[in-house]
Amino acid sequence: MGWYAFARWKGSGLVGIACGLSSNPTACVLGIRTRVEALGGPYVLVAKLIPGAGNLAAPAAGLARFPALKFLAADAFALTAWAALYASVGWVFAGQIEAAVRWVVASGRIVVLVGGFLIGAAALWRVIKGRLHAAAHAAAES
């Protein structure tokens, strides 16, 4: 509720900060706001299950002036559904999860090296993509 209230008070600047990691922050802000305004509660419900969108659901709902009580109800239901889904998946795949954890523990160094490489590559790709987008945007303005 804090992010919702802060976005209602502060406006698109907060959502812009949250979208700052995307390659096109302006499109991110407008896209999120448009989705919340068009879909309302169903977007808040589904956003919790979409990686990255769940973090923006509360500020976007505040920015779109979505009614506070409807937001609280939708957010509470979405959090309950999210928790139930992930707990159910964990219960169904408990044996496989235990085997995967044993494998990770047994081959810890390799996992750390591969994970570090993938995280570094993803960060580098995000920086390159952001700079390419900024360069293209600057070239289009001039």
C-alpha atoms as a PDB file:
ATOM      1  CA  MET A   1       0.000   0.000   0.000  1.00  0.00           C
ATOM      2  CA  GLY A   2       2.973   2.287   0.585  1.00  0.00           C
ATOM      3  CA  TRP A   3       4.104   2.244  -3.051  1.00  0.00           C
ATOM      4  CA  TYR A   4       0.506   2.771  -4.170  1.00  0.00           C
ATOM      5  CA  ALA A   5       0.071   5.832  -1.938  1.00  0.00           C
ATOM      6  CA  PHE A   6       3.512   7.211  -2.816  1.00  0.00           C
ATOM      7  CA  ALA A   7       2.789   6.920  -6.558  1.00  0.00           C
ATOM      8  CA  ARG A   8      -0.572   8.675  -6.119  1.00  0.00           C
ATOM      9  CA  TRP A   9       1.237  11.497  -4.345  1.00  0.00           C
ATOM     10  CA  LYS A  10       4.465  11.671  -6.395  1.00  0.00           C
ATOM     11  CA  GLY A  11       3.131  10.716  -9.828  1.00  0.00           C
ATOM     12  CA  SER A  12       4.976   9.267 -12.794  1.00  0.00           C
ATOM     13  CA  GLY A  13       8.429  10.084 -11.382  1.00  0.00           C
ATOM     14  CA  LEU A  14       8.235   7.090  -9.031  1.00  0.00           C
ATOM     15  CA  VAL A  15       7.144   4.690 -11.766  1.00  0.00           C
ATOM     16  CA  GLY A  16       9.852   6.207 -13.973  1.00  0.00           C
ATOM     17  CA  ILE A  17      12.456   5.312 -11.357  1.00  0.00           C
ATOM     18  CA  ALA A  18      11.075   1.779 -11.162  1.00  0.00           C
ATOM     19  CA  CYS A  19      11.128   1.530 -14.969  1.00  0.00           C
ATOM     20  CA  GLY A  20      14.631   3.021 -15.098  1.00  0.00           C
ATOM     21  CA  LEU A  21      16.240  -0.357 -15.695  1.00  0.00           C
ATOM     22  CA  SER A  22      14.236  -0.959 -18.855  1.00  0.00           C
ATOM     23  CA  SER A  23      15.670   0.009 -22.222  1.00  0.00           C
ATOM     24  CA  ASN A  24      12.876   2.568 -22.743  1.00  0.00           C
ATOM     25  CA  PRO A  25      11.693   3.980 -19.392  1.00  0.00           C
ATOM     26  CA  THR A  26       9.123   6.351 -20.931  1.00  0.00           C
ATOM     27  CA  ALA A  27       7.400   3.537 -22.821  1.00  0.00           C
ATOM     28  CA  CYS A  28       7.504   1.428 -19.663  1.00  0.00           C
ATOM     29  CA  VAL A  29       5.719   4.112 -17.609  1.00  0.00           C
ATOM     30  CA  LEU A  30       3.097   4.770 -20.280  1.00  0.00           C
ATOM     31  CA  GLY A  31       2.567   1.067 -20.965  1.00  0.00           C
ATOM     32  CA  ILE A  32       2.087   0.161 -17.310  1.00  0.00           C
ATOM     33  CA  ARG A  33      -0.255   3.086 -16.702  1.00  0.00           C
ATOM     34  CA  THR A  34      -2.290   2.278 -19.822  1.00  0.00           C
ATOM     35  CA  ARG A  35      -2.636  -1.376 -18.787  1.00  0.00           C
ATOM     36  CA  VAL A  36      -3.791  -0.485 -15.280  1.00  0.00           C
ATOM     37  CA  GLU A  37      -6.269   2.081 -16.583  1.00  0.00           C
ATOM     38  CA  ALA A  38      -7.642  -0.336 -19.198  1.00  0.00           C
ATOM     39  CA  LEU A  39      -7.686  -3.553 -17.178  1.00  0.00           C
ATOM     40  CA  GLY A  40      -7.879  -2.335 -13.579  1.00  0.00           C
ATOM     41  CA  GLY A  41      -8.112  -5.104 -10.990  1.00  0.00           C
ATOM     42  CA  PRO A  42      -7.401  -8.005 -13.362  1.00  0.00           C
ATOM     43  CA  TYR A  43      -4.035  -6.437 -14.252  1.00  0.00           C
ATOM     44  CA  VAL A  44      -3.112  -6.171 -10.574  1.00  0.00           C
ATOM     45  CA  LEU A  45      -4.106  -9.827 -10.125  1.00  0.00           C
ATOM     46  CA  VAL A  46      -2.077 -11.104 -13.083  1.00  0.00           C
ATOM     47  CA  ALA A  47       0.908  -8.777 -12.580  1.00  0.00           C
ATOM     48  CA  LYS A  48       2.014 -10.701  -9.473  1.00  0.00           C
ATOM     49  CA  LEU A  49       2.590 -13.757 -11.663  1.00  0.00           C
ATOM     50  CA  ILE A  50       4.555 -11.931 -14.385  1.00  0.00           C
ATOM     51  CA  PRO A  51       8.258 -11.482 -13.600  1.00  0.00           C
ATOM     52  CA  GLY A  52       9.034  -7.783 -13.268  1.00  0.00           C
ATOM     53  CA  ALA A  53       5.426  -6.616 -13.588  1.00  0.00           C
ATOM     54  CA  GLY A  54       4.597  -7.476  -9.980  1.00  0.00           C
ATOM     55  CA  ASN A  55       7.032  -4.848  -8.736  1.00  0.00           C
ATOM     56  CA  LEU A  56       5.292  -2.168 -10.775  1.00  0.00           C
ATOM     57  CA  ALA A  57       1.655  -3.097 -10.068  1.00  0.00           C
ATOM     58  CA  ALA A  58       1.262  -1.021  -6.882  1.00  0.00           C
ATOM     59  CA  PRO A  59       2.919   2.192  -8.119  1.00  0.00           C
ATOM     60  CA  ALA A  60       1.175   1.889 -11.490  1.00  0.00           C
ATOM     61  CA  ALA A  61      -2.209   1.474  -9.802  1.00  0.00           C
ATOM     62  CA  GLY A  62      -1.517   4.582  -7.724  1.00  0.00           C
ATOM     63  CA  LEU A  63      -0.405   6.509 -10.800  1.00  0.00           C
ATOM     64  CA  ALA A  64      -3.564   5.487 -12.666  1.00  0.00           C
ATOM     65  CA  ARG A  65      -5.680   6.621  -9.664  1.00  0.00           C
ATOM     66  CA  PHE A  66      -7.113   3.115  -9.275  1.00  0.00           C
ATOM     67  CA  PRO A  67      -9.538   3.153  -6.273  1.00  0.00           C
ATOM     68  CA  ALA A  68      -7.657   2.314  -3.054  1.00  0.00           C
ATOM     69  CA  LEU A  69     -10.124  -0.262  -1.692  1.00  0.00           C
ATOM     70  CA  LYS A  70     -10.305  -2.075  -5.031  1.00  0.00           C
ATOM     71  CA  PHE A  71      -6.504  -2.075  -5.190  1.00  0.00           C
ATOM     72  CA  LEU A  72      -6.222  -3.496  -1.665  1.00  0.00           C
ATOM     73  CA  ALA A  73      -8.734  -6.248  -2.439  1.00  0.00           C
ATOM     74  CA  ALA A  74      -7.089  -7.144  -5.757  1.00  0.00           C
ATOM     75  CA  ASP A  75      -3.595  -7.032  -4.255  1.00  0.00           C
ATOM     76  CA  ALA A  76      -4.574  -9.204  -1.266  1.00  0.00           C
ATOM     77  CA  PHE A  77      -6.203 -11.758  -3.549  1.00  0.00           C
ATOM     78  CA  ALA A  78      -3.209 -11.713  -5.922  1.00  0.00           C
ATOM     79  CA  LEU A  79      -0.744 -12.214  -3.043  1.00  0.00           C
ATOM     80  CA  THR A  80      -2.790 -15.127  -1.712  1.00  0.00           C
ATOM     81  CA  ALA A  81      -3.016 -16.722  -5.172  1.00  0.00           C
ATOM     82  CA  TRP A  82       0.726 -16.178  -5.754  1.00  0.00           C
ATOM     83  CA  ALA A  83       1.651 -17.776  -2.429  1.00  0.00           C
ATOM     84  CA  ALA A  84      -0.737 -20.692  -2.973  1.00  0.00           C
ATOM     85  CA  LEU A  85       0.604 -21.313  -6.477  1.00  0.00           C
ATOM     86  CA  TYR A  86       4.246 -21.349  -5.433  1.00  0.00           C
ATOM     87  CA  ALA A  87       3.552 -23.416  -2.299  1.00  0.00           C
ATOM     88  CA  SER A  88       1.653 -25.932  -4.434  1.00  0.00           C
ATOM     89  CA  VAL A  89       4.480 -26.152  -6.965  1.00  0.00           C
ATOM     90  CA  GLY A  90       6.938 -26.662  -4.111  1.00  0.00           C
ATOM     91  CA  TRP A  91       4.788 -29.411  -2.615  1.00  0.00           C
ATOM     92  CA  VAL A  92       4.323 -31.191  -5.972  1.00  0.00           C
ATOM     93  CA  PHE A  93       8.018 -31.015  -6.903  1.00  0.00           C
ATOM     94  CA  ALA A  94       9.520 -31.444  -3.413  1.00  0.00           C
ATOM     95  CA  GLY A  95      11.525 -34.520  -4.418  1.00  0.00           C
ATOM     96  CA  GLN A  96      13.006 -32.858  -7.486  1.00  0.00           C
ATOM     97  CA  ILE A  97      13.805 -29.706  -5.523  1.00  0.00           C
ATOM     98  CA  GLU A  98      15.666 -31.726  -2.888  1.00  0.00           C
ATOM     99  CA  ALA A  99      17.656 -33.514  -5.623  1.00  0.00           C
ATOM    100  CA  ALA A 100      18.493 -30.179  -7.274  1.00  0.00           C
ATOM    101  CA  VAL A 101      19.650 -28.705  -3.961  1.00  0.00           C
ATOM    102  CA  ARG A 102      21.869 -31.740  -3.317  1.00  0.00           C
ATOM    103  CA  TRP A 103      23.387 -31.349  -6.801  1.00  0.00           C
ATOM    104  CA  VAL A 104      24.029 -27.617  -6.256  1.00  0.00           C
ATOM    105  CA  VAL A 105      25.681 -28.322  -2.897  1.00  0.00           C
ATOM    106  CA  ALA A 106      27.826 -31.070  -4.426  1.00  0.00           C
ATOM    107  CA  SER A 107      28.994 -28.896  -7.316  1.00  0.00           C
ATOM    108  CA  GLY A 108      29.011 -25.527  -5.560  1.00  0.00           C
ATOM    109  CA  ARG A 109      32.010 -23.904  -7.230  1.00  0.00           C
ATOM    110  CA  ILE A 110      30.809 -24.652 -10.733  1.00  0.00           C
ATOM    111  CA  VAL A 111      27.331 -23.331  -9.934  1.00  0.00           C
ATOM    112  CA  VAL A 112      28.767 -20.128  -8.451  1.00  0.00           C
ATOM    113  CA  LEU A 113      31.031 -19.568 -11.472  1.00  0.00           C
ATOM    114  CA  VAL A 114      28.316 -20.232 -14.039  1.00  0.00           C
ATOM    115  CA  GLY A 115      25.789 -18.147 -12.079  1.00  0.00           C
ATOM    116  CA  GLY A 116      28.251 -15.262 -11.745  1.00  0.00           C
ATOM    117  CA  PHE A 117      29.024 -15.407 -15.454  1.00  0.00           C
ATOM    118  CA  LEU A 118      25.323 -15.370 -16.379  1.00  0.00           C
ATOM    119  CA  ILE A 119      24.565 -12.470 -14.029  1.00  0.00           C
ATOM    120  CA  GLY A 120      27.540 -10.503 -15.367  1.00  0.00           C
ATOM    121  CA  ALA A 121      26.556 -11.207 -18.975  1.00  0.00           C
ATOM    122  CA  ALA A 122      22.961 -10.138 -18.302  1.00  0.00           C
ATOM    123  CA  ALA A 123      24.128  -6.906 -16.637  1.00  0.00           C
ATOM    124  CA  LEU A 124      26.497  -6.158 -19.530  1.00  0.00           C
ATOM    125  CA  TRP A 125      23.713  -6.842 -22.048  1.00  0.00           C
ATOM    126  CA  ARG A 126      21.370  -4.465 -20.172  1.00  0.00           C
ATOM    127  CA  VAL A 127      23.998  -1.697 -20.176  1.00  0.00           C
ATOM    128  CA  ILE A 128      24.733  -2.159 -23.887  1.00  0.00           C
ATOM    129  CA  LYS A 129      21.030  -2.261 -24.767  1.00  0.00           C
ATOM    130  CA  GLY A 130      20.367   0.893 -22.725  1.00  0.00           C
ATOM    131  CA  ARG A 131      23.230   2.775 -24.384  1.00  0.00           C
ATOM    132  CA  LEU A 132      22.108   1.690 -27.854  1.00  0.00           C
ATOM    133  CA  HIS A 133      18.586   2.863 -27.102  1.00  0.00           C
ATOM    134  CA  ALA A 134      19.832   6.190 -25.723  1.00  0.00           C
ATOM    135  CA  ALA A 135      22.054   6.705 -28.793  1.00  0.00           C
ATOM    136  CA  ALA A 136      19.173   5.921 -31.160  1.00  0.00           C
ATOM    137  CA  HIS A 137      16.874   8.260 -29.219  1.00  0.00           C
ATOM    138  CA  ALA A 138      19.485  11.059 -29.294  1.00  0.00           C
ATOM    139  CA  ALA A 139      20.037  10.575 -33.031  1.00  0.00           C
ATOM    140  CA  ALA A 140      16.283  10.743 -33.673  1.00  0.00           C
ATOM    141  CA  GLU A 141      15.994  14.036 -31.753  1.00  0.00           C
ATOM    142  CA  SER A 142      18.760  15.770 -33.705  1.00  0.00           C
END
